[in-house]
Amino acid sequence: MNYSILVTGGAGYLGSIMVPELLKAGYKVTVLDNFMYGQSSLLDCCAYDTFRIVRGDVRENSILKPLLQTADIIIPLAALVGQPACNKDKMNAVAINRDVVASIVKLTSRKQRIIIPTTNSGYGIGQKDIYCTEETPLKPISLYGSTKVEAEKLVLDRSNSVSLRLATAFGVSTRMRIDLLVNDLTYRAVKDRFVIIFEGHFKRNFIHVRDIARAFIHVIKNFGEMKNQAYNVGLSDANLSKLELCAKIKSHLPDFVYLEAPIGEDPDKRDYIVLNEKMEKTGFKTIHSLDMGIEELIKGYQIIANNKYGNV
């Protein structure tokens, strides 16, 4: 079906990969974005007559409401992403990550579909060697995690919706971010060849940004069977500690040196491993491995010559 899709924040790290794929798949796509990072990542999409771009603030209902009225599917990507960005601007973190989603729920009919990205951050600190499933209690330990958990509940309670609990993303995007863990450590390996790790035993799950885009398209195509549920989306073979991740990067860049600090703490206390079996049982399969992503990033960092590509 030739759905009309509204993507808020569609010019961000994830949207800049997802929107072109949605257009290639034959969907009509409207993007609402304020272009706060001055990015030009969607210029290639302008060749599609099925593409519409609106520059504006997702918090303004006078802009958001008419766009919602013509959408079959809403993908609310607009967010302040990550603990540092949310802590830097707490009021807007709540306003954008949670309150805008509440507005979307209020302004849409139950016939319209919402597919929301949430986050593994909701699991907070997991139990050692026990996988977090969709049934694991959500115990976020950051403002970012709590706003996304609250947004997920709002969306799932209204029905006709799906939540994708995304692992930590990595990979090259046309709106690049290097403040994500794999991207950051690979950047340091390429540019500095050295990093000091704090609390290197902390584990996390990872997923390539292009597989995230594929996951959303998979949900669109299988919505009837998947609706009203949350799904973990990550690489099943990539539940890695920070030290294990460094070792993986070193296998691609042998000159990379990493050391674990004997004292000091990482302000990001997330530590969990995640099971992605529920999503896989719907027929979804990732195609971008962690090794592929690291190789891709190494090439990308020959182009990126500075560290302006972050969210803070």
C-alpha atoms as a PDB file:
ATOM      1  CA  MET A   1       0.000   0.000   0.000  1.00  0.00           C
ATOM      2  CA  ASN A   2       1.223   3.490  -0.874  1.00  0.00           C
ATOM      3  CA  TYR A   3       1.165   4.895   2.643  1.00  0.00           C
ATOM      4  CA  SER A   4       1.708   8.544   3.468  1.00  0.00           C
ATOM      5  CA  ILE A   5       4.313   8.740   6.237  1.00  0.00           C
ATOM      6  CA  LEU A   6       5.193  11.670   8.490  1.00  0.00           C
ATOM      7  CA  VAL A   7       8.700  11.527   9.959  1.00  0.00           C
ATOM      8  CA  THR A   8       9.451  14.125  12.619  1.00  0.00           C
ATOM      9  CA  GLY A   9      13.147  14.806  13.056  1.00  0.00           C
ATOM     10  CA  GLY A  10      13.675  13.140   9.707  1.00  0.00           C
ATOM     11  CA  ALA A  11      16.912  14.993   8.938  1.00  0.00           C
ATOM     12  CA  GLY A  12      18.740  13.544  11.943  1.00  0.00           C
ATOM     13  CA  TYR A  13      21.228  10.686  12.213  1.00  0.00           C
ATOM     14  CA  LEU A  14      18.612   7.964  11.810  1.00  0.00           C
ATOM     15  CA  GLY A  15      16.137   9.835   9.614  1.00  0.00           C
ATOM     16  CA  SER A  16      18.796  10.744   7.072  1.00  0.00           C
ATOM     17  CA  ILE A  17      19.208   7.015   6.388  1.00  0.00           C
ATOM     18  CA  MET A  18      15.575   6.005   6.853  1.00  0.00           C
ATOM     19  CA  VAL A  19      13.827   8.638   4.729  1.00  0.00           C
ATOM     20  CA  PRO A  20      15.645   7.748   1.462  1.00  0.00           C
ATOM     21  CA  GLU A  21      14.863   4.067   2.086  1.00  0.00           C
ATOM     22  CA  LEU A  22      11.174   4.831   2.652  1.00  0.00           C
ATOM     23  CA  LEU A  23      11.089   6.772  -0.610  1.00  0.00           C
ATOM     24  CA  LYS A  24      12.833   3.963  -2.483  1.00  0.00           C
ATOM     25  CA  ALA A  25      10.229   1.567  -1.085  1.00  0.00           C
ATOM     26  CA  GLY A  26       7.494   3.656  -2.736  1.00  0.00           C
ATOM     27  CA  TYR A  27       6.050   5.514   0.251  1.00  0.00           C
ATOM     28  CA  LYS A  28       5.063   9.177   0.324  1.00  0.00           C
ATOM     29  CA  VAL A  29       7.188  10.877   2.965  1.00  0.00           C
ATOM     30  CA  THR A  30       6.823  14.227   4.711  1.00  0.00           C
ATOM     31  CA  VAL A  31       9.671  15.318   6.984  1.00  0.00           C
ATOM     32  CA  LEU A  32       9.258  17.897   9.741  1.00  0.00           C
ATOM     33  CA  ASP A  33      12.623  19.091  11.065  1.00  0.00           C
ATOM     34  CA  ASN A  34      14.119  22.276  12.457  1.00  0.00           C
ATOM     35  CA  PHE A  35      17.589  21.533  10.994  1.00  0.00           C
ATOM     36  CA  MET A  36      19.188  22.550  14.278  1.00  0.00           C
ATOM     37  CA  TYR A  37      22.559  21.150  13.212  1.00  0.00           C
ATOM     38  CA  GLY A  38      22.597  22.942   9.855  1.00  0.00           C
ATOM     39  CA  GLN A  39      22.616  19.616   8.045  1.00  0.00           C
ATOM     40  CA  SER A  40      21.899  19.132   4.337  1.00  0.00           C
ATOM     41  CA  SER A  41      21.541  15.366   4.577  1.00  0.00           C
ATOM     42  CA  LEU A  42      18.236  15.032   2.685  1.00  0.00           C
ATOM     43  CA  LEU A  43      19.128  16.979  -0.451  1.00  0.00           C
ATOM     44  CA  ASP A  44      19.146  13.806  -2.565  1.00  0.00           C
ATOM     45  CA  CYS A  45      15.534  13.168  -1.567  1.00  0.00           C
ATOM     46  CA  CYS A  46      14.366  16.346  -3.286  1.00  0.00           C
ATOM     47  CA  ALA A  47      14.323  14.511  -6.622  1.00  0.00           C
ATOM     48  CA  TYR A  48      11.324  12.470  -5.451  1.00  0.00           C
ATOM     49  CA  ASP A  49       7.899  13.954  -6.140  1.00  0.00           C
ATOM     50  CA  THR A  50       6.695  11.825  -3.213  1.00  0.00           C
ATOM     51  CA  PHE A  51       8.910  13.785  -0.811  1.00  0.00           C
ATOM     52  CA  ARG A  52       7.851  16.891   1.105  1.00  0.00           C
ATOM     53  CA  ILE A  53       9.970  18.854   3.544  1.00  0.00           C
ATOM     54  CA  VAL A  54       8.674  21.233   6.220  1.00  0.00           C
ATOM     55  CA  ARG A  55      11.118  23.339   8.212  1.00  0.00           C
ATOM     56  CA  GLY A  56       9.607  23.903  11.631  1.00  0.00           C
ATOM     57  CA  ASP A  57       9.478  23.065  15.312  1.00  0.00           C
ATOM     58  CA  VAL A  58       7.718  19.838  16.247  1.00  0.00           C
ATOM     59  CA  ARG A  59       6.593  21.453  19.514  1.00  0.00           C
ATOM     60  CA  GLU A  60       4.311  23.887  17.636  1.00  0.00           C
ATOM     61  CA  ASN A  61       0.930  22.212  17.243  1.00  0.00           C
ATOM     62  CA  SER A  62      -0.046  24.756  14.576  1.00  0.00           C
ATOM     63  CA  ILE A  63       2.651  23.181  12.387  1.00  0.00           C
ATOM     64  CA  LEU A  64       2.326  19.590  13.581  1.00  0.00           C
ATOM     65  CA  LYS A  65      -1.457  19.183  13.513  1.00  0.00           C
ATOM     66  CA  PRO A  66      -2.101  19.696   9.768  1.00  0.00           C
ATOM     67  CA  LEU A  67       0.774  17.363   8.911  1.00  0.00           C
ATOM     68  CA  LEU A  68      -0.652  14.657  11.160  1.00  0.00           C
ATOM     69  CA  GLN A  69      -4.061  14.941   9.521  1.00  0.00           C
ATOM     70  CA  THR A  70      -2.742  13.672   6.168  1.00  0.00           C
ATOM     71  CA  ALA A  71      -0.482  10.888   7.498  1.00  0.00           C
ATOM     72  CA  ASP A  72      -1.308   7.186   7.548  1.00  0.00           C
ATOM     73  CA  ILE A  73       1.812   6.401   9.582  1.00  0.00           C
ATOM     74  CA  ILE A  74       3.716   8.625  11.998  1.00  0.00           C
ATOM     75  CA  ILE A  75       7.359   7.936  12.879  1.00  0.00           C
ATOM     76  CA  PRO A  76       8.344  10.375  15.662  1.00  0.00           C
ATOM     77  CA  LEU A  77      12.131  10.522  15.431  1.00  0.00           C
ATOM     78  CA  ALA A  78      12.427  14.085  16.757  1.00  0.00           C
ATOM     79  CA  ALA A  79      14.187  13.871  20.110  1.00  0.00           C
ATOM     80  CA  LEU A  80      17.086  15.027  22.184  1.00  0.00           C
ATOM     81  CA  VAL A  81      19.085  11.821  22.062  1.00  0.00           C
ATOM     82  CA  GLY A  82      21.450  10.551  24.713  1.00  0.00           C
ATOM     83  CA  GLN A  83      22.231  11.395  28.313  1.00  0.00           C
ATOM     84  CA  PRO A  84      24.579  14.362  27.681  1.00  0.00           C
ATOM     85  CA  ALA A  85      22.201  16.171  25.326  1.00  0.00           C
ATOM     86  CA  CYS A  86      19.243  15.668  27.663  1.00  0.00           C
ATOM     87  CA  ASN A  87      21.148  16.761  30.749  1.00  0.00           C
ATOM     88  CA  LYS A  88      22.314  19.881  28.936  1.00  0.00           C
ATOM     89  CA  ASP A  89      18.734  20.923  28.127  1.00  0.00           C
ATOM     90  CA  LYS A  90      16.400  19.146  30.533  1.00  0.00           C
ATOM     91  CA  MET A  91      13.268  21.171  29.803  1.00  0.00           C
ATOM     92  CA  ASN A  92      13.432  20.534  26.080  1.00  0.00           C
ATOM     93  CA  ALA A  93      14.328  16.895  26.629  1.00  0.00           C
ATOM     94  CA  VAL A  94      10.995  16.421  28.389  1.00  0.00           C
ATOM     95  CA  ALA A  95       9.117  18.692  25.965  1.00  0.00           C
ATOM     96  CA  ILE A  96      10.385  16.969  22.799  1.00  0.00           C
ATOM     97  CA  ASN A  97      10.951  13.377  23.894  1.00  0.00           C
ATOM     98  CA  ARG A  98       7.742  12.944  25.884  1.00  0.00           C
ATOM     99  CA  ASP A  99       5.326  15.864  25.550  1.00  0.00           C
ATOM    100  CA  VAL A 100       5.425  16.035  21.749  1.00  0.00           C
ATOM    101  CA  VAL A 101       4.625  12.321  21.630  1.00  0.00           C
ATOM    102  CA  ALA A 102       1.694  12.994  23.962  1.00  0.00           C
ATOM    103  CA  SER A 103       0.492  15.644  21.505  1.00  0.00           C
ATOM    104  CA  ILE A 104       0.809  13.225  18.596  1.00  0.00           C
ATOM    105  CA  VAL A 105      -1.249  10.648  20.486  1.00  0.00           C
ATOM    106  CA  LYS A 106      -3.909  13.260  21.240  1.00  0.00           C
ATOM    107  CA  LEU A 107      -4.034  14.652  17.696  1.00  0.00           C
ATOM    108  CA  THR A 108      -4.219  11.343  15.803  1.00  0.00           C
ATOM    109  CA  SER A 109      -7.100   8.941  15.313  1.00  0.00           C
ATOM    110  CA  ARG A 110      -6.863   5.294  16.318  1.00  0.00           C
ATOM    111  CA  LYS A 111      -6.855   4.374  12.624  1.00  0.00           C
ATOM    112  CA  GLN A 112      -3.499   6.068  12.158  1.00  0.00           C
ATOM    113  CA  ARG A 113      -0.403   4.056  12.941  1.00  0.00           C
ATOM    114  CA  ILE A 114       2.522   5.145  15.100  1.00  0.00           C
ATOM    115  CA  ILE A 115       5.919   3.433  15.007  1.00  0.00           C
ATOM    116  CA  ILE A 116       8.106   4.946  17.688  1.00  0.00           C
ATOM    117  CA  PRO A 117      11.819   4.459  18.324  1.00  0.00           C
ATOM    118  CA  THR A 118      12.549   3.978  21.988  1.00  0.00           C
ATOM    119  CA  THR A 119      15.726   2.665  23.526  1.00  0.00           C
ATOM    120  CA  ASN A 120      17.475  -0.124  25.395  1.00  0.00           C
ATOM    121  CA  SER A 121      18.410   2.634  27.847  1.00  0.00           C
ATOM    122  CA  GLY A 122      15.101   1.880  29.532  1.00  0.00           C
ATOM    123  CA  TYR A 123      16.645  -1.276  30.992  1.00  0.00           C
ATOM    124  CA  GLY A 124      19.135   0.809  32.959  1.00  0.00           C
ATOM    125  CA  ILE A 125      21.353  -1.580  34.897  1.00  0.00           C
ATOM    126  CA  GLY A 126      20.595  -5.204  34.099  1.00  0.00           C
ATOM    127  CA  GLN A 127      21.371  -8.362  36.059  1.00  0.00           C
ATOM    128  CA  LYS A 128      24.729  -9.964  35.321  1.00  0.00           C
ATOM    129  CA  ASP A 129      24.528 -12.569  32.521  1.00  0.00           C
ATOM    130  CA  ILE A 130      20.733 -12.272  32.305  1.00  0.00           C
ATOM    131  CA  TYR A 131      19.327 -11.022  29.011  1.00  0.00           C
ATOM    132  CA  CYS A 132      16.809  -8.195  28.997  1.00  0.00           C
ATOM    133  CA  THR A 133      13.669  -9.171  27.082  1.00  0.00           C
ATOM    134  CA  GLU A 134      10.578  -7.148  26.327  1.00  0.00           C
ATOM    135  CA  GLU A 135       9.145  -8.496  29.604  1.00  0.00           C
ATOM    136  CA  THR A 136      12.040  -7.168  31.698  1.00  0.00           C
ATOM    137  CA  PRO A 137      10.925  -4.312  33.967  1.00  0.00           C
ATOM    138  CA  LEU A 138      11.992  -0.918  32.647  1.00  0.00           C
ATOM    139  CA  LYS A 139      14.210   0.953  35.112  1.00  0.00           C
ATOM    140  CA  PRO A 140      15.785   3.899  33.299  1.00  0.00           C
ATOM    141  CA  ILE A 141      18.620   5.661  35.120  1.00  0.00           C
ATOM    142  CA  SER A 142      18.851   8.785  32.959  1.00  0.00           C
ATOM    143  CA  LEU A 143      16.525  11.575  31.907  1.00  0.00           C
ATOM    144  CA  TYR A 144      16.850  10.382  28.309  1.00  0.00           C
ATOM    145  CA  GLY A 145      15.827   6.852  29.253  1.00  0.00           C
ATOM    146  CA  SER A 146      12.896   7.944  31.406  1.00  0.00           C
ATOM    147  CA  THR A 147      11.438  10.309  28.780  1.00  0.00           C
ATOM    148  CA  LYS A 148      11.617   7.586  26.138  1.00  0.00           C
ATOM    149  CA  VAL A 149      10.031   5.000  28.448  1.00  0.00           C
ATOM    150  CA  GLU A 150       7.193   7.410  29.213  1.00  0.00           C
ATOM    151  CA  ALA A 151       6.723   8.125  25.500  1.00  0.00           C
ATOM    152  CA  GLU A 152       6.576   4.408  24.738  1.00  0.00           C
ATOM    153  CA  LYS A 153       3.804   3.889  27.293  1.00  0.00           C
ATOM    154  CA  LEU A 154       1.773   6.746  25.817  1.00  0.00           C
ATOM    155  CA  VAL A 155       2.019   5.242  22.345  1.00  0.00           C
ATOM    156  CA  LEU A 156       1.342   1.618  23.255  1.00  0.00           C
ATOM    157  CA  ASP A 157      -1.603   2.579  25.489  1.00  0.00           C
ATOM    158  CA  ARG A 158      -3.347   4.264  22.528  1.00  0.00           C
ATOM    159  CA  SER A 159      -3.119   0.973  20.518  1.00  0.00           C
ATOM    160  CA  ASN A 160      -2.443   0.580  16.779  1.00  0.00           C
ATOM    161  CA  SER A 161       1.212   1.309  17.490  1.00  0.00           C
ATOM    162  CA  VAL A 162       4.607  -0.391  17.686  1.00  0.00           C
ATOM    163  CA  SER A 163       7.658   0.513  19.760  1.00  0.00           C
ATOM    164  CA  LEU A 164      11.150  -0.458  18.658  1.00  0.00           C
ATOM    165  CA  ARG A 165      13.577  -0.516  21.580  1.00  0.00           C
ATOM    166  CA  LEU A 166      16.771   0.244  19.740  1.00  0.00           C
ATOM    167  CA  ALA A 167      20.223  -0.896  20.757  1.00  0.00           C
ATOM    168  CA  THR A 168      23.033   1.669  20.628  1.00  0.00           C
ATOM    169  CA  ALA A 169      23.326   2.708  16.996  1.00  0.00           C
ATOM    170  CA  PHE A 170      26.526   2.813  14.970  1.00  0.00           C
ATOM    171  CA  GLY A 171      27.602   3.400  11.380  1.00  0.00           C
ATOM    172  CA  VAL A 172      27.972   6.216   8.897  1.00  0.00           C
ATOM    173  CA  SER A 173      25.027   8.504   8.191  1.00  0.00           C
ATOM    174  CA  THR A 174      24.761  11.557   5.982  1.00  0.00           C
ATOM    175  CA  ARG A 175      23.909  13.434   9.219  1.00  0.00           C
ATOM    176  CA  MET A 176      26.818  11.965  11.082  1.00  0.00           C
ATOM    177  CA  ARG A 177      27.200  11.541  14.830  1.00  0.00           C
ATOM    178  CA  ILE A 178      30.456  10.557  16.466  1.00  0.00           C
ATOM    179  CA  ASP A 179      29.170  10.738  20.042  1.00  0.00           C
ATOM    180  CA  LEU A 180      27.733   7.206  19.839  1.00  0.00           C
ATOM    181  CA  LEU A 181      29.942   4.577  21.493  1.00  0.00           C
ATOM    182  CA  VAL A 182      31.113   2.548  18.474  1.00  0.00           C
ATOM    183  CA  ASN A 183      31.418   5.670  16.338  1.00  0.00           C
ATOM    184  CA  ASP A 184      33.285   7.507  19.099  1.00  0.00           C
ATOM    185  CA  LEU A 185      35.778   4.766  19.904  1.00  0.00           C
ATOM    186  CA  THR A 186      36.466   4.124  16.228  1.00  0.00           C
ATOM    187  CA  TYR A 187      37.010   7.851  15.701  1.00  0.00           C
ATOM    188  CA  ARG A 188      39.525   7.884  18.541  1.00  0.00           C
ATOM    189  CA  ALA A 189      41.252   4.818  17.130  1.00  0.00           C
ATOM    190  CA  VAL A 190      41.584   6.479  13.712  1.00  0.00           C
ATOM    191  CA  LYS A 191      42.495   9.991  14.831  1.00  0.00           C
ATOM    192  CA  ASP A 192      44.249   9.571  18.200  1.00  0.00           C
ATOM    193  CA  ARG A 193      45.166   5.860  18.165  1.00  0.00           C
ATOM    194  CA  PHE A 194      44.646   5.896  21.942  1.00  0.00           C
ATOM    195  CA  VAL A 195      41.818   5.953  24.495  1.00  0.00           C
ATOM    196  CA  ILE A 196      41.380   5.531  28.237  1.00  0.00           C
ATOM    197  CA  ILE A 197      38.287   3.537  29.220  1.00  0.00           C
ATOM    198  CA  PHE A 198      36.367   3.992  32.456  1.00  0.00           C
ATOM    199  CA  GLU A 199      34.472   0.978  33.835  1.00  0.00           C
ATOM    200  CA  GLY A 200      35.255  -1.143  30.808  1.00  0.00           C
ATOM    201  CA  HIS A 201      33.119  -4.062  31.995  1.00  0.00           C
ATOM    202  CA  PHE A 202      29.864  -2.179  31.290  1.00  0.00           C
ATOM    203  CA  LYS A 203      28.006  -3.990  28.518  1.00  0.00           C
ATOM    204  CA  ARG A 204      25.596  -2.814  25.875  1.00  0.00           C
ATOM    205  CA  ASN A 205      23.924  -4.077  22.697  1.00  0.00           C
ATOM    206  CA  PHE A 206      24.559  -2.488  19.278  1.00  0.00           C
ATOM    207  CA  ILE A 207      22.796  -2.094  15.909  1.00  0.00           C
ATOM    208  CA  HIS A 208      23.778  -0.535  12.584  1.00  0.00           C
ATOM    209  CA  VAL A 209      21.831   2.578  11.612  1.00  0.00           C
ATOM    210  CA  ARG A 210      20.870   1.009   8.264  1.00  0.00           C
ATOM    211  CA  ASP A 211      19.437  -2.037  10.008  1.00  0.00           C
ATOM    212  CA  ILE A 212      17.357   0.307  12.156  1.00  0.00           C
ATOM    213  CA  ALA A 213      15.893   1.819   8.982  1.00  0.00           C
ATOM    214  CA  ARG A 214      15.224  -1.704   7.680  1.00  0.00           C
ATOM    215  CA  ALA A 215      13.498  -2.578  10.956  1.00  0.00           C
ATOM    216  CA  PHE A 216      11.021   0.282  10.550  1.00  0.00           C
ATOM    217  CA  ILE A 217      10.201  -0.791   6.999  1.00  0.00           C
ATOM    218  CA  HIS A 218       9.782  -4.358   8.265  1.00  0.00           C
ATOM    219  CA  VAL A 219       7.231  -3.128  10.818  1.00  0.00           C
ATOM    220  CA  ILE A 220       5.337  -1.175   8.146  1.00  0.00           C
ATOM    221  CA  LYS A 221       5.078  -4.315   6.012  1.00  0.00           C
ATOM    222  CA  ASN A 222       4.100  -6.576   8.930  1.00  0.00           C
ATOM    223  CA  PHE A 223       2.160  -4.122  11.055  1.00  0.00           C
ATOM    224  CA  GLY A 224      -0.954  -6.264  11.508  1.00  0.00           C
ATOM    225  CA  GLU A 225       1.003  -9.062  13.148  1.00  0.00           C
ATOM    226  CA  MET A 226       3.276  -6.777  15.179  1.00  0.00           C
ATOM    227  CA  LYS A 227       1.015  -3.987  16.428  1.00  0.00           C
ATOM    228  CA  ASN A 228       0.546  -2.988  20.053  1.00  0.00           C
ATOM    229  CA  GLN A 229       3.861  -4.453  21.159  1.00  0.00           C
ATOM    230  CA  ALA A 230       7.449  -3.468  21.875  1.00  0.00           C
ATOM    231  CA  TYR A 231      10.422  -5.157  20.232  1.00  0.00           C
ATOM    232  CA  ASN A 232      14.119  -5.117  21.039  1.00  0.00           C
ATOM    233  CA  VAL A 233      16.154  -4.350  17.919  1.00  0.00           C
ATOM    234  CA  GLY A 234      19.854  -5.159  18.025  1.00  0.00           C
ATOM    235  CA  LEU A 235      22.621  -7.457  16.852  1.00  0.00           C
ATOM    236  CA  SER A 236      22.330 -10.739  18.709  1.00  0.00           C
ATOM    237  CA  ASP A 237      26.099 -11.285  18.494  1.00  0.00           C
ATOM    238  CA  ALA A 238      26.944  -7.779  19.714  1.00  0.00           C
ATOM    239  CA  ASN A 239      26.282  -7.697  23.433  1.00  0.00           C
ATOM    240  CA  LEU A 240      29.738  -6.367  24.226  1.00  0.00           C
ATOM    241  CA  SER A 241      31.557  -4.627  27.044  1.00  0.00           C
ATOM    242  CA  LYS A 242      33.477  -1.458  26.297  1.00  0.00           C
ATOM    243  CA  LEU A 243      36.755  -3.377  26.529  1.00  0.00           C
ATOM    244  CA  GLU A 244      35.462  -6.087  24.180  1.00  0.00           C
ATOM    245  CA  LEU A 245      34.408  -3.372  21.756  1.00  0.00           C
ATOM    246  CA  CYS A 246      37.877  -1.812  21.896  1.00  0.00           C
ATOM    247  CA  ALA A 247      39.411  -5.208  21.155  1.00  0.00           C
ATOM    248  CA  LYS A 248      37.113  -5.558  18.152  1.00  0.00           C
ATOM    249  CA  ILE A 249      38.192  -2.142  16.843  1.00  0.00           C
ATOM    250  CA  LYS A 250      41.854  -3.018  17.451  1.00  0.00           C
ATOM    251  CA  SER A 251      41.441  -6.081  15.208  1.00  0.00           C
ATOM    252  CA  HIS A 252      40.825  -3.588  12.379  1.00  0.00           C
ATOM    253  CA  LEU A 253      43.348  -0.973  13.549  1.00  0.00           C
ATOM    254  CA  PRO A 254      46.293  -2.790  15.171  1.00  0.00           C
ATOM    255  CA  ASP A 255      47.990   0.465  16.239  1.00  0.00           C
ATOM    256  CA  PHE A 256      45.037   1.341  18.464  1.00  0.00           C
ATOM    257  CA  VAL A 257      45.982   1.347  22.161  1.00  0.00           C
ATOM    258  CA  TYR A 258      43.341   1.282  24.884  1.00  0.00           C
ATOM    259  CA  LEU A 259      43.759   1.231  28.639  1.00  0.00           C
ATOM    260  CA  GLU A 260      41.258   0.899  31.456  1.00  0.00           C
ATOM    261  CA  ALA A 261      41.614   3.571  34.127  1.00  0.00           C
ATOM    262  CA  PRO A 262      42.221   2.077  37.598  1.00  0.00           C
ATOM    263  CA  ILE A 263      40.190   4.868  39.188  1.00  0.00           C
ATOM    264  CA  GLY A 264      37.342   7.090  38.039  1.00  0.00           C
ATOM    265  CA  GLU A 265      33.777   6.470  36.935  1.00  0.00           C
ATOM    266  CA  ASP A 266      31.798   6.697  33.745  1.00  0.00           C
ATOM    267  CA  PRO A 267      28.787   8.991  34.300  1.00  0.00           C
ATOM    268  CA  ASP A 268      26.833   6.695  31.945  1.00  0.00           C
ATOM    269  CA  LYS A 269      26.009   3.734  34.192  1.00  0.00           C
ATOM    270  CA  ARG A 270      24.032   1.677  31.674  1.00  0.00           C
ATOM    271  CA  ASP A 271      25.035  -1.963  31.825  1.00  0.00           C
ATOM    272  CA  TYR A 272      22.882  -4.689  30.258  1.00  0.00           C
ATOM    273  CA  ILE A 273      22.705  -7.438  27.654  1.00  0.00           C
ATOM    274  CA  VAL A 274      19.662  -7.722  25.417  1.00  0.00           C
ATOM    275  CA  LEU A 275      17.786 -10.550  23.719  1.00  0.00           C
ATOM    276  CA  ASN A 276      16.417  -9.695  20.248  1.00  0.00           C
ATOM    277  CA  GLU A 277      14.652 -12.994  19.635  1.00  0.00           C
ATOM    278  CA  LYS A 278      11.108 -11.582  19.556  1.00  0.00           C
ATOM    279  CA  MET A 279      11.944  -9.278  16.625  1.00  0.00           C
ATOM    280  CA  GLU A 280      13.846 -12.027  14.833  1.00  0.00           C
ATOM    281  CA  LYS A 281      10.848 -14.365  15.110  1.00  0.00           C
ATOM    282  CA  THR A 282       8.822 -11.898  13.026  1.00  0.00           C
ATOM    283  CA  GLY A 283      11.223 -12.590  10.140  1.00  0.00           C
ATOM    284  CA  PHE A 284      13.552  -9.631  10.603  1.00  0.00           C
ATOM    285  CA  LYS A 285      17.258 -10.276  10.085  1.00  0.00           C
ATOM    286  CA  THR A 286      20.101  -7.793  10.425  1.00  0.00           C
ATOM    287  CA  ILE A 287      22.535  -7.591   7.506  1.00  0.00           C
ATOM    288  CA  HIS A 288      25.180  -5.178   8.823  1.00  0.00           C
ATOM    289  CA  SER A 289      27.674  -6.680  11.267  1.00  0.00           C
ATOM    290  CA  LEU A 290      29.740  -4.773  13.794  1.00  0.00           C
ATOM    291  CA  ASP A 291      32.874  -5.517  11.760  1.00  0.00           C
ATOM    292  CA  MET A 292      31.241  -4.077   8.639  1.00  0.00           C
ATOM    293  CA  GLY A 293      30.295  -0.957  10.551  1.00  0.00           C
ATOM    294  CA  ILE A 294      33.806  -0.444  11.908  1.00  0.00           C
ATOM    295  CA  GLU A 295      35.297  -0.760   8.419  1.00  0.00           C
ATOM    296  CA  GLU A 296      32.705   1.691   7.130  1.00  0.00           C
ATOM    297  CA  LEU A 297      33.527   4.155   9.910  1.00  0.00           C
ATOM    298  CA  ILE A 298      37.258   3.929   9.234  1.00  0.00           C
ATOM    299  CA  LYS A 299      36.585   5.023   5.656  1.00  0.00           C
ATOM    300  CA  GLY A 300      34.162   7.714   6.795  1.00  0.00           C
ATOM    301  CA  TYR A 301      36.729   9.209   9.133  1.00  0.00           C
ATOM    302  CA  GLN A 302      39.032   9.843   6.221  1.00  0.00           C
ATOM    303  CA  ILE A 303      36.349  12.339   5.139  1.00  0.00           C
ATOM    304  CA  ILE A 304      35.406  13.779   8.521  1.00  0.00           C
ATOM    305  CA  ALA A 305      38.306  15.903   9.719  1.00  0.00           C
ATOM    306  CA  ASN A 306      36.913  17.260  12.980  1.00  0.00           C
ATOM    307  CA  ASN A 307      34.606  16.357  15.815  1.00  0.00           C
ATOM    308  CA  LYS A 308      31.708  18.730  15.174  1.00  0.00           C
ATOM    309  CA  TYR A 309      29.476  15.743  14.401  1.00  0.00           C
ATOM    310  CA  GLY A 310      27.831  15.263  17.751  1.00  0.00           C
ATOM    311  CA  ASN A 311      24.627  16.124  19.557  1.00  0.00           C
ATOM    312  CA  VAL A 312      26.216  18.319  22.241  1.00  0.00           C
END
